[in-house]
Amino acid sequence: MSNFKIYCKSILIPLVLGGLVGLFTRGSMDYSMLTKPVLAPPGYVFPIVWSILYVLMGISYALLITSGTNNRVTQKSYYAQLIVNLIWPILFFTLKWRLIAFIWIVLLLLLVINMIYQFFYQRKNAGIIQIPYLVWVAFATYLNLFFYLLNR
């Protein structure tokens, strides 16, 4: 497979899956009705940020594939965090399980740290590209906790 196809596939997988989850949860999003914690951004920021992060996620993963440094441990780390990432909005918005969603996002944060470690170990720039994702998930963890505390 050409590098171009690898990059396209690697970028499209998280983007399409994230978009599908967004469509699935769209009807149950109650963000505007929640009491918001300090620093909570307006709702329109989230799809923009997540789209950028999914593109960066795909680029990092493609870097590993095209350099031949991708291995089973790295694959499992990448797909585990992606699956946990995609389930979180269902827990938070559709099911409205804010406390479970908080525990889930802490798990996601740990998985992202592990993924970055794996990526960095295989190819430094693949790990570095994921730093914005780590920062955003840490911020989302703060938001989730305070949404739970302010809206129970």
C-alpha atoms as a PDB file:
ATOM      1  CA  MET A   1       0.000   0.000   0.000  1.00  0.00           C
ATOM      2  CA  SER A   2       1.353   3.445  -0.871  1.00  0.00           C
ATOM      3  CA  ASN A   3       2.184   5.935   1.866  1.00  0.00           C
ATOM      4  CA  PHE A   4      -0.593   8.207   0.595  1.00  0.00           C
ATOM      5  CA  LYS A   5      -3.181   5.447   1.039  1.00  0.00           C
ATOM      6  CA  ILE A   6      -1.806   4.587   4.477  1.00  0.00           C
ATOM      7  CA  TYR A   7      -2.128   8.213   5.596  1.00  0.00           C
ATOM      8  CA  CYS A   8      -5.630   8.542   4.127  1.00  0.00           C
ATOM      9  CA  LYS A   9      -6.815   5.338   5.780  1.00  0.00           C
ATOM     10  CA  SER A  10      -5.161   6.195   9.111  1.00  0.00           C
ATOM     11  CA  ILE A  11      -6.722   9.663   9.173  1.00  0.00           C
ATOM     12  CA  LEU A  12     -10.150   8.600   7.901  1.00  0.00           C
ATOM     13  CA  ILE A  13     -10.675   5.804  10.436  1.00  0.00           C
ATOM     14  CA  PRO A  14     -10.785   8.030  13.557  1.00  0.00           C
ATOM     15  CA  LEU A  15     -12.490  10.887  11.682  1.00  0.00           C
ATOM     16  CA  VAL A  16     -15.283   8.712  10.304  1.00  0.00           C
ATOM     17  CA  LEU A  17     -15.780   6.797  13.560  1.00  0.00           C
ATOM     18  CA  GLY A  18     -15.796  10.040  15.554  1.00  0.00           C
ATOM     19  CA  GLY A  19     -18.282  11.518  13.082  1.00  0.00           C
ATOM     20  CA  LEU A  20     -20.557   8.500  13.387  1.00  0.00           C
ATOM     21  CA  VAL A  21     -20.518   8.705  17.185  1.00  0.00           C
ATOM     22  CA  GLY A  22     -21.242  12.438  16.867  1.00  0.00           C
ATOM     23  CA  LEU A  23     -24.262  11.705  14.688  1.00  0.00           C
ATOM     24  CA  PHE A  24     -25.434   8.999  17.070  1.00  0.00           C
ATOM     25  CA  THR A  25     -25.192  11.229  20.146  1.00  0.00           C
ATOM     26  CA  ARG A  26     -26.291  14.487  18.501  1.00  0.00           C
ATOM     27  CA  GLY A  27     -29.932  14.130  19.483  1.00  0.00           C
ATOM     28  CA  SER A  28     -29.090  13.590  23.141  1.00  0.00           C
ATOM     29  CA  MET A  29     -26.533  16.374  23.582  1.00  0.00           C
ATOM     30  CA  ASP A  30     -27.638  18.549  26.466  1.00  0.00           C
ATOM     31  CA  TYR A  31     -24.436  20.592  26.765  1.00  0.00           C
ATOM     32  CA  SER A  32     -26.191  23.957  26.495  1.00  0.00           C
ATOM     33  CA  MET A  33     -28.576  23.036  29.313  1.00  0.00           C
ATOM     34  CA  LEU A  34     -25.913  21.960  31.818  1.00  0.00           C
ATOM     35  CA  THR A  35     -24.460  24.131  34.548  1.00  0.00           C
ATOM     36  CA  LYS A  36     -20.956  24.695  33.243  1.00  0.00           C
ATOM     37  CA  PRO A  37     -17.690  24.735  35.147  1.00  0.00           C
ATOM     38  CA  VAL A  38     -15.241  27.580  34.858  1.00  0.00           C
ATOM     39  CA  LEU A  39     -13.285  27.361  31.571  1.00  0.00           C
ATOM     40  CA  ALA A  40     -16.009  25.381  29.772  1.00  0.00           C
ATOM     41  CA  PRO A  41     -15.798  26.330  26.087  1.00  0.00           C
ATOM     42  CA  PRO A  42     -18.836  26.975  23.895  1.00  0.00           C
ATOM     43  CA  GLY A  43     -20.315  23.840  22.349  1.00  0.00           C
ATOM     44  CA  TYR A  44     -19.151  24.607  18.804  1.00  0.00           C
ATOM     45  CA  VAL A  45     -15.506  24.234  19.898  1.00  0.00           C
ATOM     46  CA  PHE A  46     -15.755  20.485  20.530  1.00  0.00           C
ATOM     47  CA  PRO A  47     -16.283  19.169  16.971  1.00  0.00           C
ATOM     48  CA  ILE A  48     -13.505  21.453  15.709  1.00  0.00           C
ATOM     49  CA  VAL A  49     -11.018  20.305  18.339  1.00  0.00           C
ATOM     50  CA  TRP A  50     -11.942  16.634  18.004  1.00  0.00           C
ATOM     51  CA  SER A  51     -11.603  16.772  14.217  1.00  0.00           C
ATOM     52  CA  ILE A  52      -8.102  18.208  14.558  1.00  0.00           C
ATOM     53  CA  LEU A  53      -7.169  15.629  17.196  1.00  0.00           C
ATOM     54  CA  TYR A  54      -8.486  12.746  15.083  1.00  0.00           C
ATOM     55  CA  VAL A  55      -6.405  13.974  12.125  1.00  0.00           C
ATOM     56  CA  LEU A  56      -3.305  14.193  14.344  1.00  0.00           C
ATOM     57  CA  MET A  57      -4.078  10.734  15.723  1.00  0.00           C
ATOM     58  CA  GLY A  58      -4.202   9.342  12.191  1.00  0.00           C
ATOM     59  CA  ILE A  59      -0.993  11.098  11.166  1.00  0.00           C
ATOM     60  CA  SER A  60       0.869   9.683  14.173  1.00  0.00           C
ATOM     61  CA  TYR A  61      -0.372   6.192  13.500  1.00  0.00           C
ATOM     62  CA  ALA A  62       0.507   6.463   9.804  1.00  0.00           C
ATOM     63  CA  LEU A  63       4.016   7.612  10.737  1.00  0.00           C
ATOM     64  CA  LEU A  64       4.487   4.372  12.633  1.00  0.00           C
ATOM     65  CA  ILE A  65       3.108   2.240   9.810  1.00  0.00           C
ATOM     66  CA  THR A  66       5.141   3.915   7.049  1.00  0.00           C
ATOM     67  CA  SER A  67       8.351   3.769   9.070  1.00  0.00           C
ATOM     68  CA  GLY A  68       7.855   0.065   9.809  1.00  0.00           C
ATOM     69  CA  THR A  69       7.923   0.670  13.568  1.00  0.00           C
ATOM     70  CA  ASN A  70       4.293  -0.268  14.208  1.00  0.00           C
ATOM     71  CA  ASN A  71       3.955  -3.452  16.245  1.00  0.00           C
ATOM     72  CA  ARG A  72       1.191  -5.396  18.007  1.00  0.00           C
ATOM     73  CA  VAL A  73       1.643  -3.566  21.329  1.00  0.00           C
ATOM     74  CA  THR A  74       1.426  -0.193  19.597  1.00  0.00           C
ATOM     75  CA  GLN A  75      -1.624  -1.296  17.598  1.00  0.00           C
ATOM     76  CA  LYS A  76      -3.418  -2.502  20.723  1.00  0.00           C
ATOM     77  CA  SER A  77      -2.543   0.707  22.551  1.00  0.00           C
ATOM     78  CA  TYR A  78      -3.820   2.852  19.679  1.00  0.00           C
ATOM     79  CA  TYR A  79      -7.082   0.994  19.110  1.00  0.00           C
ATOM     80  CA  ALA A  80      -7.822   0.579  22.832  1.00  0.00           C
ATOM     81  CA  GLN A  81      -7.700   4.330  23.422  1.00  0.00           C
ATOM     82  CA  LEU A  82      -9.712   4.968  20.240  1.00  0.00           C
ATOM     83  CA  ILE A  83     -12.492   2.595  21.317  1.00  0.00           C
ATOM     84  CA  VAL A  84     -12.607   4.052  24.838  1.00  0.00           C
ATOM     85  CA  ASN A  85     -12.617   7.542  23.299  1.00  0.00           C
ATOM     86  CA  LEU A  86     -15.579   6.702  21.065  1.00  0.00           C
ATOM     87  CA  ILE A  87     -17.638   5.204  23.902  1.00  0.00           C
ATOM     88  CA  TRP A  88     -17.249   8.221  26.218  1.00  0.00           C
ATOM     89  CA  PRO A  89     -19.828  10.522  24.481  1.00  0.00           C
ATOM     90  CA  ILE A  90     -22.385   7.730  24.610  1.00  0.00           C
ATOM     91  CA  LEU A  91     -21.898   7.405  28.374  1.00  0.00           C
ATOM     92  CA  PHE A  92     -21.886  11.165  28.975  1.00  0.00           C
ATOM     93  CA  PHE A  93     -24.545  12.423  26.547  1.00  0.00           C
ATOM     94  CA  THR A  94     -26.786   9.541  25.504  1.00  0.00           C
ATOM     95  CA  LEU A  95     -26.937   7.626  28.782  1.00  0.00           C
ATOM     96  CA  LYS A  96     -26.248  10.707  30.965  1.00  0.00           C
ATOM     97  CA  TRP A  97     -24.063   8.602  33.236  1.00  0.00           C
ATOM     98  CA  ARG A  98     -21.810  11.503  34.245  1.00  0.00           C
ATOM     99  CA  LEU A  99     -19.986   9.710  37.074  1.00  0.00           C
ATOM    100  CA  ILE A 100     -19.390   6.569  34.977  1.00  0.00           C
ATOM    101  CA  ALA A 101     -18.265   8.859  32.137  1.00  0.00           C
ATOM    102  CA  PHE A 102     -15.781  10.499  34.515  1.00  0.00           C
ATOM    103  CA  ILE A 103     -14.314   7.129  35.499  1.00  0.00           C
ATOM    104  CA  TRP A 104     -14.259   6.188  31.803  1.00  0.00           C
ATOM    105  CA  ILE A 105     -12.415   9.375  30.812  1.00  0.00           C
ATOM    106  CA  VAL A 106      -9.814   8.755  33.528  1.00  0.00           C
ATOM    107  CA  LEU A 107      -9.287   5.364  31.881  1.00  0.00           C
ATOM    108  CA  LEU A 108      -8.994   7.164  28.528  1.00  0.00           C
ATOM    109  CA  LEU A 109      -6.416   9.549  29.984  1.00  0.00           C
ATOM    110  CA  LEU A 110      -4.314   6.612  31.171  1.00  0.00           C
ATOM    111  CA  LEU A 111      -4.644   4.880  27.807  1.00  0.00           C
ATOM    112  CA  VAL A 112      -3.603   8.057  25.977  1.00  0.00           C
ATOM    113  CA  ILE A 113      -0.515   8.369  28.195  1.00  0.00           C
ATOM    114  CA  ASN A 114       0.331   4.752  27.425  1.00  0.00           C
ATOM    115  CA  MET A 115      -0.245   5.274  23.703  1.00  0.00           C
ATOM    116  CA  ILE A 116       2.005   8.333  23.661  1.00  0.00           C
ATOM    117  CA  TYR A 117       4.696   6.368  25.472  1.00  0.00           C
ATOM    118  CA  GLN A 118       4.393   3.536  22.929  1.00  0.00           C
ATOM    119  CA  PHE A 119       4.414   5.935  19.983  1.00  0.00           C
ATOM    120  CA  PHE A 120       7.331   7.955  21.367  1.00  0.00           C
ATOM    121  CA  TYR A 121       9.322   4.784  21.978  1.00  0.00           C
ATOM    122  CA  GLN A 122       8.767   3.666  18.371  1.00  0.00           C
ATOM    123  CA  ARG A 123       9.137   7.062  16.701  1.00  0.00           C
ATOM    124  CA  LYS A 124       9.523  10.285  18.684  1.00  0.00           C
ATOM    125  CA  ASN A 125       7.556  12.588  16.391  1.00  0.00           C
ATOM    126  CA  ALA A 126       4.588  10.184  16.418  1.00  0.00           C
ATOM    127  CA  GLY A 127       4.444  10.554  20.188  1.00  0.00           C
ATOM    128  CA  ILE A 128       5.033  14.301  20.230  1.00  0.00           C
ATOM    129  CA  ILE A 129       2.164  14.880  17.792  1.00  0.00           C
ATOM    130  CA  GLN A 130      -0.161  13.352  20.419  1.00  0.00           C
ATOM    131  CA  ILE A 131       0.656  15.905  23.150  1.00  0.00           C
ATOM    132  CA  PRO A 132      -2.342  18.132  22.179  1.00  0.00           C
ATOM    133  CA  TYR A 133      -4.576  15.061  22.514  1.00  0.00           C
ATOM    134  CA  LEU A 134      -3.238  14.409  26.009  1.00  0.00           C
ATOM    135  CA  VAL A 135      -3.779  18.041  27.013  1.00  0.00           C
ATOM    136  CA  TRP A 136      -7.329  18.018  25.633  1.00  0.00           C
ATOM    137  CA  VAL A 137      -8.266  14.754  27.344  1.00  0.00           C
ATOM    138  CA  ALA A 138      -6.854  16.083  30.623  1.00  0.00           C
ATOM    139  CA  PHE A 139      -8.972  19.222  30.152  1.00  0.00           C
ATOM    140  CA  ALA A 140     -12.016  17.093  29.246  1.00  0.00           C
ATOM    141  CA  THR A 141     -11.439  15.074  32.421  1.00  0.00           C
ATOM    142  CA  TYR A 142     -11.615  18.292  34.459  1.00  0.00           C
ATOM    143  CA  LEU A 143     -14.791  19.319  32.601  1.00  0.00           C
ATOM    144  CA  ASN A 144     -16.413  15.916  33.076  1.00  0.00           C
ATOM    145  CA  LEU A 145     -15.735  15.914  36.811  1.00  0.00           C
ATOM    146  CA  PHE A 146     -17.201  19.374  37.303  1.00  0.00           C
ATOM    147  CA  PHE A 147     -20.175  18.728  35.016  1.00  0.00           C
ATOM    148  CA  TYR A 148     -20.928  15.763  37.238  1.00  0.00           C
ATOM    149  CA  LEU A 149     -20.503  17.757  40.471  1.00  0.00           C
ATOM    150  CA  LEU A 150     -22.502  20.773  39.258  1.00  0.00           C
ATOM    151  CA  ASN A 151     -25.365  18.865  37.634  1.00  0.00           C
ATOM    152  CA  ARG A 152     -26.230  15.937  39.905  1.00  0.00           C
END
